[in-house]
C-alpha atoms as a PDB file:
ATOM      1  CA  MET A   1      41.956 -11.625  21.014  1.00  0.00           C
ATOM      2  CA  ASN A   2      43.320 -11.303  17.472  1.00  0.00           C
ATOM      3  CA  GLU A   3      42.099 -14.749  16.468  1.00  0.00           C
ATOM      4  CA  ILE A   4      41.058 -15.094  12.803  1.00  0.00           C
ATOM      5  CA  MET A   5      37.813 -16.982  12.291  1.00  0.00           C
ATOM      6  CA  PRO A   6      37.971 -20.179  10.182  1.00  0.00           C
ATOM      7  CA  GLY A   7      37.526 -19.462   6.498  1.00  0.00           C
ATOM      8  CA  LEU A   8      38.544 -15.804   6.766  1.00  0.00           C
ATOM      9  CA  ALA A   9      42.315 -16.315   6.433  1.00  0.00           C
ATOM     10  CA  LEU A  10      43.801 -16.015   2.938  1.00  0.00           C
ATOM     11  CA  GLN A  11      44.620 -19.351   1.380  1.00  0.00           C
ATOM     12  CA  LYS A  12      46.395 -20.358  -1.832  1.00  0.00           C
ATOM     13  CA  VAL A  13      43.997 -22.778  -3.512  1.00  0.00           C
ATOM     14  CA  ASP A  14      43.160 -23.978  -6.992  1.00  0.00           C
ATOM     15  CA  GLU A  15      41.799 -21.196  -9.245  1.00  0.00           C
ATOM     16  CA  ARG A  16      38.553 -23.135  -9.712  1.00  0.00           C
ATOM     17  CA  ILE A  17      37.734 -23.138  -5.989  1.00  0.00           C
ATOM     18  CA  MET A  18      35.744 -20.149  -4.722  1.00  0.00           C
ATOM     19  CA  THR A  19      35.289 -19.215  -1.050  1.00  0.00           C
ATOM     20  CA  LEU A  20      32.027 -17.421  -0.233  1.00  0.00           C
ATOM     21  CA  ASN A  21      31.364 -15.589   3.033  1.00  0.00           C
ATOM     22  CA  VAL A  22      27.658 -15.133   3.719  1.00  0.00           C
ATOM     23  CA  GLY A  23      26.842 -13.111   6.799  1.00  0.00           C
ATOM     24  CA  PRO A  24      26.758 -12.177   9.463  1.00  0.00           C
ATOM     25  CA  GLN A  25      22.975 -12.060   9.329  1.00  0.00           C
ATOM     26  CA  HIS A  26      20.978 -10.812  12.309  1.00  0.00           C
ATOM     27  CA  PRO A  27      17.769 -12.849  12.656  1.00  0.00           C
ATOM     28  CA  GLY A  28      15.953 -11.818  15.835  1.00  0.00           C
ATOM     29  CA  SER A  29      18.308 -12.252  18.784  1.00  0.00           C
ATOM     30  CA  GLY A  30      21.278 -13.926  17.108  1.00  0.00           C
ATOM     31  CA  HIS A  31      23.815 -13.964  14.307  1.00  0.00           C
ATOM     32  CA  MET A  32      24.414 -16.434  11.500  1.00  0.00           C
ATOM     33  CA  ARG A  33      27.452 -16.723   9.225  1.00  0.00           C
ATOM     34  CA  ILE A  34      28.038 -19.324   6.506  1.00  0.00           C
ATOM     35  CA  ILE A  35      31.468 -19.905   4.920  1.00  0.00           C
ATOM     36  CA  VAL A  36      31.324 -22.112   1.807  1.00  0.00           C
ATOM     37  CA  GLN A  37      34.066 -23.389  -0.521  1.00  0.00           C
ATOM     38  CA  ILE A  38      32.754 -24.493  -3.919  1.00  0.00           C
ATOM     39  CA  ASP A  39      34.223 -26.007  -7.077  1.00  0.00           C
ATOM     40  CA  GLY A  40      31.635 -25.311  -9.760  1.00  0.00           C
ATOM     41  CA  ASP A  41      28.429 -26.944  -8.514  1.00  0.00           C
ATOM     42  CA  ILE A  42      30.143 -29.071  -5.847  1.00  0.00           C
ATOM     43  CA  LEU A  43      30.280 -27.998  -2.189  1.00  0.00           C
ATOM     44  CA  LEU A  44      33.742 -28.789  -0.840  1.00  0.00           C
ATOM     45  CA  HIS A  45      33.635 -27.305   2.657  1.00  0.00           C
ATOM     46  CA  VAL A  46      30.882 -25.607   4.693  1.00  0.00           C
ATOM     47  CA  ILE A  47      31.182 -23.863   8.070  1.00  0.00           C
ATOM     48  CA  LEU A  48      27.982 -22.682   9.777  1.00  0.00           C
ATOM     49  CA  ILE A  49      28.480 -20.316  12.722  1.00  0.00           C
ATOM     50  CA  LEU A  50      25.508 -19.490  14.939  1.00  0.00           C
ATOM     51  CA  ALA A  51      25.523 -17.073  17.862  1.00  0.00           C
ATOM     52  CA  MET A  52      22.648 -16.168  20.154  1.00  0.00           C
ATOM     53  CA  PHE A  53      22.362 -13.952  23.183  1.00  0.00           C
ATOM     54  CA  ILE A  54      21.252 -15.707  26.389  1.00  0.00           C
ATOM     55  CA  VAL A  55      19.312 -13.037  28.279  1.00  0.00           C
ATOM     56  CA  GLU A  56      19.253 -14.815  31.655  1.00  0.00           C
ATOM     57  CA  LYS A  57      23.051 -15.195  31.699  1.00  0.00           C
ATOM     58  CA  LYS A  58      23.760 -11.946  29.803  1.00  0.00           C
ATOM     59  CA  ARG A  59      26.282 -13.613  27.505  1.00  0.00           C
ATOM     60  CA  TRP A  60      26.662 -14.913  23.945  1.00  0.00           C
ATOM     61  CA  LEU A  61      26.475 -18.606  23.023  1.00  0.00           C
ATOM     62  CA  ASN A  62      28.551 -19.507  19.932  1.00  0.00           C
ATOM     63  CA  ILE A  63      28.034 -22.710  17.963  1.00  0.00           C
ATOM     64  CA  GLU A  64      30.270 -23.728  15.046  1.00  0.00           C
ATOM     65  CA  ILE A  65      29.253 -26.599  12.750  1.00  0.00           C
ATOM     66  CA  ILE A  66      31.686 -27.884  10.101  1.00  0.00           C
ATOM     67  CA  PHE A  67      30.468 -30.040   7.193  1.00  0.00           C
END
């Protein structure tokens, strides 16, 4: 299970493009991580990763949204 999450691998990109990792945050019973690539004021790529614990099933539910 050595899988690298999207946005965390090193990439050779233009010097103007910045990759920001925000998270994980722990609101209540879940996690939230946002990976954003920006060029100045322009959003180029956004990945929103949500995870929440389902108590009844005793397991984590992961949702990944790519913009």
